[in-house]
C-alpha atoms as a PDB file:
ATOM      1  CA  ALA A   1    -132.274-105.195   9.312  1.00  0.00           C
ATOM      2  CA  SER A   2    -136.054-105.167   8.815  1.00  0.00           C
ATOM      3  CA  VAL A   3    -135.496-105.349   5.035  1.00  0.00           C
ATOM      4  CA  ARG A   4    -132.412-107.551   4.718  1.00  0.00           C
ATOM      5  CA  GLY A   5    -132.877-109.691   7.813  1.00  0.00           C
ATOM      6  CA  PRO A   6    -131.250-109.898  11.280  1.00  0.00           C
ATOM      7  CA  GLU A   7    -127.909-111.024   9.827  1.00  0.00           C
ATOM      8  CA  MET A   8    -127.459-107.682   8.079  1.00  0.00           C
ATOM      9  CA  LEU A   9    -124.342-105.831   9.253  1.00  0.00           C
ATOM     10  CA  THR A  10    -124.523-102.068   8.724  1.00  0.00           C
ATOM     11  CA  MET A  11    -121.482 -99.804   8.960  1.00  0.00           C
ATOM     12  CA  ILE A  12    -121.863 -96.028   8.833  1.00  0.00           C
ATOM     13  CA  ALA A  13    -119.011 -93.522   8.983  1.00  0.00           C
ATOM     14  CA  PRO A  14    -118.670 -89.857   7.942  1.00  0.00           C
ATOM     15  CA  GLY A  15    -116.819 -89.268   4.706  1.00  0.00           C
ATOM     16  CA  ALA A  16    -114.975 -86.174   3.501  1.00  0.00           C
ATOM     17  CA  ALA A  17    -117.798 -83.710   4.137  1.00  0.00           C
ATOM     18  CA  GLY A  18    -116.259 -80.883   6.149  1.00  0.00           C
ATOM     19  CA  ASN A  19    -117.570 -78.217   3.785  1.00  0.00           C
ATOM     20  CA  ILE A  20    -121.081 -79.445   2.978  1.00  0.00           C
ATOM     21  CA  ASN A  21    -124.349 -79.186   4.870  1.00  0.00           C
ATOM     22  CA  HIS A  22    -127.938 -80.371   4.518  1.00  0.00           C
ATOM     23  CA  TYR A  23    -129.241 -76.868   3.788  1.00  0.00           C
ATOM     24  CA  ASP A  24    -128.151 -73.785   1.842  1.00  0.00           C
ATOM     25  CA  LEU A  25    -126.128 -71.658   4.270  1.00  0.00           C
ATOM     26  CA  LEU A  26    -126.663 -68.606   2.049  1.00  0.00           C
ATOM     27  CA  TYR A  27    -130.460 -68.865   2.133  1.00  0.00           C
ATOM     28  CA  PRO A  28    -131.674 -65.650   3.815  1.00  0.00           C
ATOM     29  CA  ILE A  29    -134.535 -67.147   5.837  1.00  0.00           C
ATOM     30  CA  ARG A  30    -133.234 -69.072   8.841  1.00  0.00           C
ATOM     31  CA  ILE A  31    -136.537 -70.881   9.324  1.00  0.00           C
ATOM     32  CA  HIS A  32    -135.560 -73.184   6.455  1.00  0.00           C
ATOM     33  CA  ARG A  33    -132.417 -74.291   8.316  1.00  0.00           C
ATOM     34  CA  VAL A  34    -134.094 -77.272   9.952  1.00  0.00           C
ATOM     35  CA  LYS A  35    -132.188 -79.177  12.635  1.00  0.00           C
ATOM     36  CA  GLY A  36    -132.953 -81.701  15.363  1.00  0.00           C
ATOM     37  CA  VAL A  37    -134.045 -85.324  15.642  1.00  0.00           C
ATOM     38  CA  PRO A  38    -136.904 -85.166  13.088  1.00  0.00           C
ATOM     39  CA  GLU A  39    -134.589 -83.752  10.414  1.00  0.00           C
ATOM     40  CA  ALA A  40    -131.873 -86.283  11.241  1.00  0.00           C
ATOM     41  CA  SER A  41    -134.464 -89.068  10.943  1.00  0.00           C
ATOM     42  CA  ARG A  42    -135.621 -87.746   7.578  1.00  0.00           C
ATOM     43  CA  ILE A  43    -132.066 -87.627   6.226  1.00  0.00           C
ATOM     44  CA  GLY A  44    -131.389 -91.124   7.594  1.00  0.00           C
ATOM     45  CA  ALA A  45    -134.484 -92.489   5.829  1.00  0.00           C
ATOM     46  CA  VAL A  46    -133.405 -90.925   2.524  1.00  0.00           C
ATOM     47  CA  LEU A  47    -129.916 -92.414   2.821  1.00  0.00           C
ATOM     48  CA  ALA A  48    -131.288 -95.837   3.794  1.00  0.00           C
ATOM     49  CA  ALA A  49    -133.587 -95.834   0.770  1.00  0.00           C
ATOM     50  CA  GLU A  50    -130.661 -95.035  -1.527  1.00  0.00           C
ATOM     51  CA  VAL A  51    -128.641 -97.884   0.000  1.00  0.00           C
ATOM     52  CA  LEU A  52    -131.484-100.318  -0.701  1.00  0.00           C
ATOM     53  CA  ARG A  53    -131.718 -99.090  -4.300  1.00  0.00           C
ATOM     54  CA  CYS A  54    -127.981 -99.700  -4.710  1.00  0.00           C
ATOM     55  CA  TYR A  55    -128.413-103.373  -3.801  1.00  0.00           C
ATOM     56  CA  ARG A  56    -129.640-104.037  -7.347  1.00  0.00           C
ATOM     57  CA  ARG A  57    -126.236-102.966  -8.675  1.00  0.00           C
ATOM     58  CA  LEU A  58    -124.070-104.964  -6.267  1.00  0.00           C
ATOM     59  CA  SER A  59    -121.237-107.061  -7.637  1.00  0.00           C
ATOM     60  CA  PRO A  60    -118.902-109.349  -5.660  1.00  0.00           C
ATOM     61  CA  VAL A  61    -115.467-108.151  -4.583  1.00  0.00           C
ATOM     62  CA  ARG A  62    -112.713-110.706  -4.196  1.00  0.00           C
ATOM     63  CA  ALA A  63    -111.560-111.169  -0.640  1.00  0.00           C
ATOM     64  CA  GLY A  64    -107.904-111.477   0.238  1.00  0.00           C
ATOM     65  CA  GLU A  65    -105.273-110.656   2.784  1.00  0.00           C
ATOM     66  CA  LEU A  66    -106.086-107.860   5.236  1.00  0.00           C
ATOM     67  CA  ARG A  67    -103.255-105.309   5.399  1.00  0.00           C
ATOM     68  CA  VAL A  68    -102.869-102.168   7.515  1.00  0.00           C
ATOM     69  CA  LEU A  69    -100.483 -99.212   7.524  1.00  0.00           C
ATOM     70  CA  ARG A  70    -100.480 -96.044   9.605  1.00  0.00           C
ATOM     71  CA  GLU A  71     -98.382 -92.913   9.820  1.00  0.00           C
ATOM     72  CA  VAL A  72     -98.383 -89.997  12.247  1.00  0.00           C
ATOM     73  CA  VAL A  73     -98.030 -86.673  10.440  1.00  0.00           C
ATOM     74  CA  ARG A  74     -96.801 -83.471  12.107  1.00  0.00           C
ATOM     75  CA  LEU A  75     -98.934 -80.506  11.007  1.00  0.00           C
ATOM     76  CA  GLU A  76     -98.539 -76.779  11.648  1.00  0.00           C
ATOM     77  CA  MET A  77    -101.134 -74.375  12.997  1.00  0.00           C
ATOM     78  CA  PRO A  78    -101.876 -71.066  11.207  1.00  0.00           C
ATOM     79  CA  VAL A  79     -99.310 -68.502  12.356  1.00  0.00           C
ATOM     80  CA  GLU A  80    -101.634 -66.059  14.119  1.00  0.00           C
ATOM     81  CA  LYS A  81    -103.740 -68.753  15.761  1.00  0.00           C
ATOM     82  CA  GLY A  82    -100.668 -70.697  16.838  1.00  0.00           C
ATOM     83  CA  GLN A  83     -99.055 -67.635  18.385  1.00  0.00           C
ATOM     84  CA  ALA A  84    -102.282 -66.789  20.227  1.00  0.00           C
ATOM     85  CA  PHE A  85    -102.439 -70.306  21.668  1.00  0.00           C
ATOM     86  CA  ALA A  86     -98.774 -70.163  22.655  1.00  0.00           C
ATOM     87  CA  ALA A  87     -99.291 -66.858  24.464  1.00  0.00           C
ATOM     88  CA  ARG A  88    -102.358 -68.224  26.248  1.00  0.00           C
ATOM     89  CA  TYR A  89    -100.296 -71.113  27.634  1.00  0.00           C
ATOM     90  CA  GLY A  90     -97.310 -68.959  28.573  1.00  0.00           C
ATOM     91  CA  GLY A  91     -94.998 -70.199  25.830  1.00  0.00           C
ATOM     92  CA  ALA A  92     -94.964 -73.772  27.218  1.00  0.00           C
ATOM     93  CA  ALA A  93     -93.019 -76.321  25.195  1.00  0.00           C
ATOM     94  CA  GLN A  94     -96.233 -78.308  24.807  1.00  0.00           C
ATOM     95  CA  PHE A  95     -99.839 -77.886  25.860  1.00  0.00           C
ATOM     96  CA  PHE A  96    -103.280 -79.418  25.304  1.00  0.00           C
ATOM     97  CA  ASP A  97    -105.603 -77.030  23.468  1.00  0.00           C
ATOM     98  CA  GLY A  98    -108.780 -78.958  24.283  1.00  0.00           C
ATOM     99  CA  GLU A  99    -108.560 -81.488  21.444  1.00  0.00           C
ATOM    100  CA  VAL A 100    -104.917 -82.067  20.533  1.00  0.00           C
ATOM    101  CA  MET A 101    -101.487 -81.813  22.111  1.00  0.00           C
ATOM    102  CA  VAL A 102     -99.655 -78.833  20.623  1.00  0.00           C
ATOM    103  CA  PHE A 103     -95.861 -78.726  20.409  1.00  0.00           C
ATOM    104  CA  ASN A 104     -94.238 -75.281  20.526  1.00  0.00           C
ATOM    105  CA  GLU A 105     -91.002 -75.766  18.595  1.00  0.00           C
ATOM    106  CA  GLY A 106     -88.842 -73.081  16.980  1.00  0.00           C
ATOM    107  CA  GLY A 107     -91.598 -70.510  17.145  1.00  0.00           C
ATOM    108  CA  LYS A 108     -94.026 -72.822  15.330  1.00  0.00           C
ATOM    109  CA  GLN A 109     -97.014 -74.535  16.907  1.00  0.00           C
ATOM    110  CA  GLN A 110     -97.500 -78.061  15.615  1.00  0.00           C
ATOM    111  CA  PHE A 111     -99.626 -81.113  16.368  1.00  0.00           C
ATOM    112  CA  ASP A 112     -99.836 -84.737  15.262  1.00  0.00           C
ATOM    113  CA  ALA A 113    -102.468 -86.379  13.056  1.00  0.00           C
ATOM    114  CA  GLU A 114    -102.713 -90.096  12.339  1.00  0.00           C
ATOM    115  CA  VAL A 115    -103.437 -91.432   8.856  1.00  0.00           C
ATOM    116  CA  GLN A 116    -104.550 -95.059   8.716  1.00  0.00           C
ATOM    117  CA  VAL A 117    -105.028 -97.207   5.637  1.00  0.00           C
ATOM    118  CA  ILE A 118    -106.630-100.664   5.533  1.00  0.00           C
ATOM    119  CA  ALA A 119    -106.694-102.827   2.411  1.00  0.00           C
ATOM    120  CA  LEU A 120    -108.604-106.037   1.741  1.00  0.00           C
ATOM    121  CA  GLY A 121    -107.459-107.960  -1.293  1.00  0.00           C
ATOM    122  CA  ASP A 122    -106.680-106.185  -4.544  1.00  0.00           C
ATOM    123  CA  ASP A 123    -109.701-103.925  -4.942  1.00  0.00           C
ATOM    124  CA  LEU A 124    -110.891-102.584  -1.602  1.00  0.00           C
ATOM    125  CA  ALA A 125    -109.322-100.006   0.737  1.00  0.00           C
ATOM    126  CA  TRP A 126    -110.358 -97.746   3.597  1.00  0.00           C
ATOM    127  CA  VAL A 127    -108.602 -94.540   4.661  1.00  0.00           C
ATOM    128  CA  GLY A 128    -109.056 -92.953   8.076  1.00  0.00           C
ATOM    129  CA  PHE A 129    -108.361 -89.262   8.740  1.00  0.00           C
ATOM    130  CA  PRO A 130    -108.694 -87.634  12.189  1.00  0.00           C
ATOM    131  CA  GLY A 131    -110.256 -84.377  11.001  1.00  0.00           C
ATOM    132  CA  GLU A 132    -113.244 -83.104   9.036  1.00  0.00           C
ATOM    133  CA  MET A 133    -111.677 -83.231   5.590  1.00  0.00           C
ATOM    134  CA  PHE A 134    -113.164 -81.159   2.783  1.00  0.00           C
ATOM    135  CA  VAL A 135    -114.935 -82.877  -0.122  1.00  0.00           C
ATOM    136  CA  GLU A 136    -112.117 -81.930  -2.491  1.00  0.00           C
ATOM    137  CA  HIS A 137    -109.649 -83.930  -0.397  1.00  0.00           C
ATOM    138  CA  GLY A 138    -111.788 -87.051  -0.613  1.00  0.00           C
ATOM    139  CA  LEU A 139    -112.209 -86.740  -4.371  1.00  0.00           C
ATOM    140  CA  SER A 140    -108.484 -86.145  -4.828  1.00  0.00           C
ATOM    141  CA  LEU A 141    -107.594 -89.218  -2.796  1.00  0.00           C
ATOM    142  CA  LYS A 142    -110.053 -91.466  -4.624  1.00  0.00           C
ATOM    143  CA  SER A 143    -108.681 -90.260  -7.946  1.00  0.00           C
ATOM    144  CA  ALA A 144    -105.088 -91.019  -6.895  1.00  0.00           C
ATOM    145  CA  SER A 145    -105.783 -94.353  -5.191  1.00  0.00           C
ATOM    146  CA  PRO A 146    -104.589 -97.502  -6.974  1.00  0.00           C
ATOM    147  CA  PHE A 147    -107.543 -99.433  -5.545  1.00  0.00           C
ATOM    148  CA  ARG A 148    -110.789 -99.880  -7.446  1.00  0.00           C
ATOM    149  CA  HIS A 149    -112.837 -98.953  -4.366  1.00  0.00           C
ATOM    150  CA  THR A 150    -111.440 -96.507  -1.786  1.00  0.00           C
ATOM    151  CA  MET A 151    -113.643 -95.402   1.091  1.00  0.00           C
ATOM    152  CA  VAL A 152    -112.669 -92.280   3.001  1.00  0.00           C
ATOM    153  CA  HIS A 153    -113.583 -92.032   6.691  1.00  0.00           C
ATOM    154  CA  THR A 154    -113.101 -88.902   8.785  1.00  0.00           C
ATOM    155  CA  LEU A 155    -113.007 -88.243  12.532  1.00  0.00           C
ATOM    156  CA  ALA A 156    -111.077 -91.514  12.791  1.00  0.00           C
ATOM    157  CA  ASN A 157    -108.462 -92.056  15.521  1.00  0.00           C
ATOM    158  CA  GLY A 158    -108.966 -88.587  16.952  1.00  0.00           C
ATOM    159  CA  SER A 159    -110.324 -85.183  16.005  1.00  0.00           C
ATOM    160  CA  ILE A 160    -108.238 -82.254  14.761  1.00  0.00           C
ATOM    161  CA  GLY A 161    -111.184 -80.153  13.580  1.00  0.00           C
ATOM    162  CA  TYR A 162    -111.839 -78.800  10.097  1.00  0.00           C
ATOM    163  CA  VAL A 163    -109.244 -79.476   7.387  1.00  0.00           C
ATOM    164  CA  PRO A 164    -109.901 -77.081   4.466  1.00  0.00           C
ATOM    165  CA  ASN A 165    -108.327 -77.369   1.047  1.00  0.00           C
ATOM    166  CA  ARG A 166    -105.889 -74.616   0.019  1.00  0.00           C
ATOM    167  CA  LYS A 167    -108.462 -72.773  -2.106  1.00  0.00           C
ATOM    168  CA  ALA A 168    -110.806 -72.336   0.873  1.00  0.00           C
ATOM    169  CA  TYR A 169    -108.364 -70.268   2.928  1.00  0.00           C
ATOM    170  CA  GLY A 170    -109.121 -66.576   2.852  1.00  0.00           C
ATOM    171  CA  GLN A 171    -112.697 -67.024   1.646  1.00  0.00           C
ATOM    172  CA  GLY A 172    -114.087 -66.172   5.087  1.00  0.00           C
ATOM    173  CA  ALA A 173    -116.148 -69.325   5.625  1.00  0.00           C
ATOM    174  CA  TYR A 174    -116.622 -70.666   9.158  1.00  0.00           C
ATOM    175  CA  GLU A 175    -114.396 -73.684   8.563  1.00  0.00           C
ATOM    176  CA  ASP A 176    -111.570 -71.466   7.348  1.00  0.00           C
ATOM    177  CA  THR A 177    -111.671 -69.272  10.439  1.00  0.00           C
ATOM    178  CA  ALA A 178    -112.180 -72.162  12.880  1.00  0.00           C
ATOM    179  CA  THR A 179    -109.487 -74.536  11.621  1.00  0.00           C
ATOM    180  CA  ARG A 180    -106.298 -75.254  13.562  1.00  0.00           C
ATOM    181  CA  CYS A 181    -104.637 -76.465  10.330  1.00  0.00           C
ATOM    182  CA  ALA A 182    -102.315 -74.226   8.325  1.00  0.00           C
ATOM    183  CA  PRO A 183    -102.831 -74.092   4.534  1.00  0.00           C
ATOM    184  CA  GLY A 184    -101.551 -77.262   2.886  1.00  0.00           C
ATOM    185  CA  ALA A 185    -102.263 -79.530   5.867  1.00  0.00           C
ATOM    186  CA  GLY A 186    -105.087 -81.333   4.103  1.00  0.00           C
ATOM    187  CA  GLU A 187    -103.060 -81.867   0.950  1.00  0.00           C
ATOM    188  CA  LYS A 188    -100.225 -83.241   3.084  1.00  0.00           C
ATOM    189  CA  LEU A 189    -102.552 -85.773   4.695  1.00  0.00           C
ATOM    190  CA  VAL A 190    -103.879 -86.824   1.282  1.00  0.00           C
ATOM    191  CA  ASP A 191    -100.322 -87.258  -0.031  1.00  0.00           C
ATOM    192  CA  VAL A 192     -99.431 -89.494   2.923  1.00  0.00           C
ATOM    193  CA  ALA A 193    -102.600 -91.554   2.492  1.00  0.00           C
ATOM    194  CA  THR A 194    -101.891 -91.967  -1.231  1.00  0.00           C
ATOM    195  CA  ARG A 195     -98.363 -93.176  -0.523  1.00  0.00           C
ATOM    196  CA  LEU A 196     -99.659 -95.700   2.012  1.00  0.00           C
ATOM    197  CA  LEU A 197    -102.279 -96.944  -0.432  1.00  0.00           C
ATOM    198  CA  VAL A 198     -99.640 -97.471  -3.099  1.00  0.00           C
ATOM    199  CA  SER A 199     -97.541 -99.394  -0.583  1.00  0.00           C
ATOM    200  CA  LEU A 200    -100.453-101.705   0.208  1.00  0.00           C
ATOM    201  CA  LYS A 201    -101.416-102.365  -3.397  1.00  0.00           C
ATOM    202  CA  PRO A 202    -100.295-105.879  -4.370  1.00  0.00           C
ATOM    203  CA  PRO A 203     -97.953-106.099  -7.356  1.00  0.00           C
ATOM    204  CA  GLN A 204     -99.742-106.995 -10.532  1.00  0.00           C
ATOM    205  CA  SER A 205     -99.257-110.490 -11.875  1.00  0.00           C
ATOM    206  CA  PRO A 206     -97.463-110.668 -15.223  1.00  0.00           C
END
């Protein structure tokens, strides 16, 4: 606001960044893994400076009708983790695991995740996922989207934790071991979002 004036409206939301960090996790010296308010302020200043540089390349986007679609997707938990949760809650038909409601059906533990898509006009769309999607999911969705500009937002309409891509499973990373999503969950969410985007894309004029 100090640069663009008091009328400036700033919107910030996390993108598909579940498997990236601001430091090298493999670096052997922990002292370089800086955290806290000063580091957050430094990163914020760097991002703000890049935003201001991008202003020189701005071009207008045609406005139009605002359209919204949403779909609730039923996802499965990894087998071993799901069975451990089920045993902890005495085999209940459904239970709250601290973040989501889990449904114990047919020996499988499942939970719901909402995918929301918002489109403005012909060129601009936003997609909201409830988990920390991996970078590969965001890139895949943007590549498949029929809109010129597609912005991916995570931790939207709930939180289901980390959502790795298929390749990440079995690699032993923290996100892989911490996730409540079975392999393929992220790709399923991307497929649903892509279908919703296609549904919202206006037909092309002849």
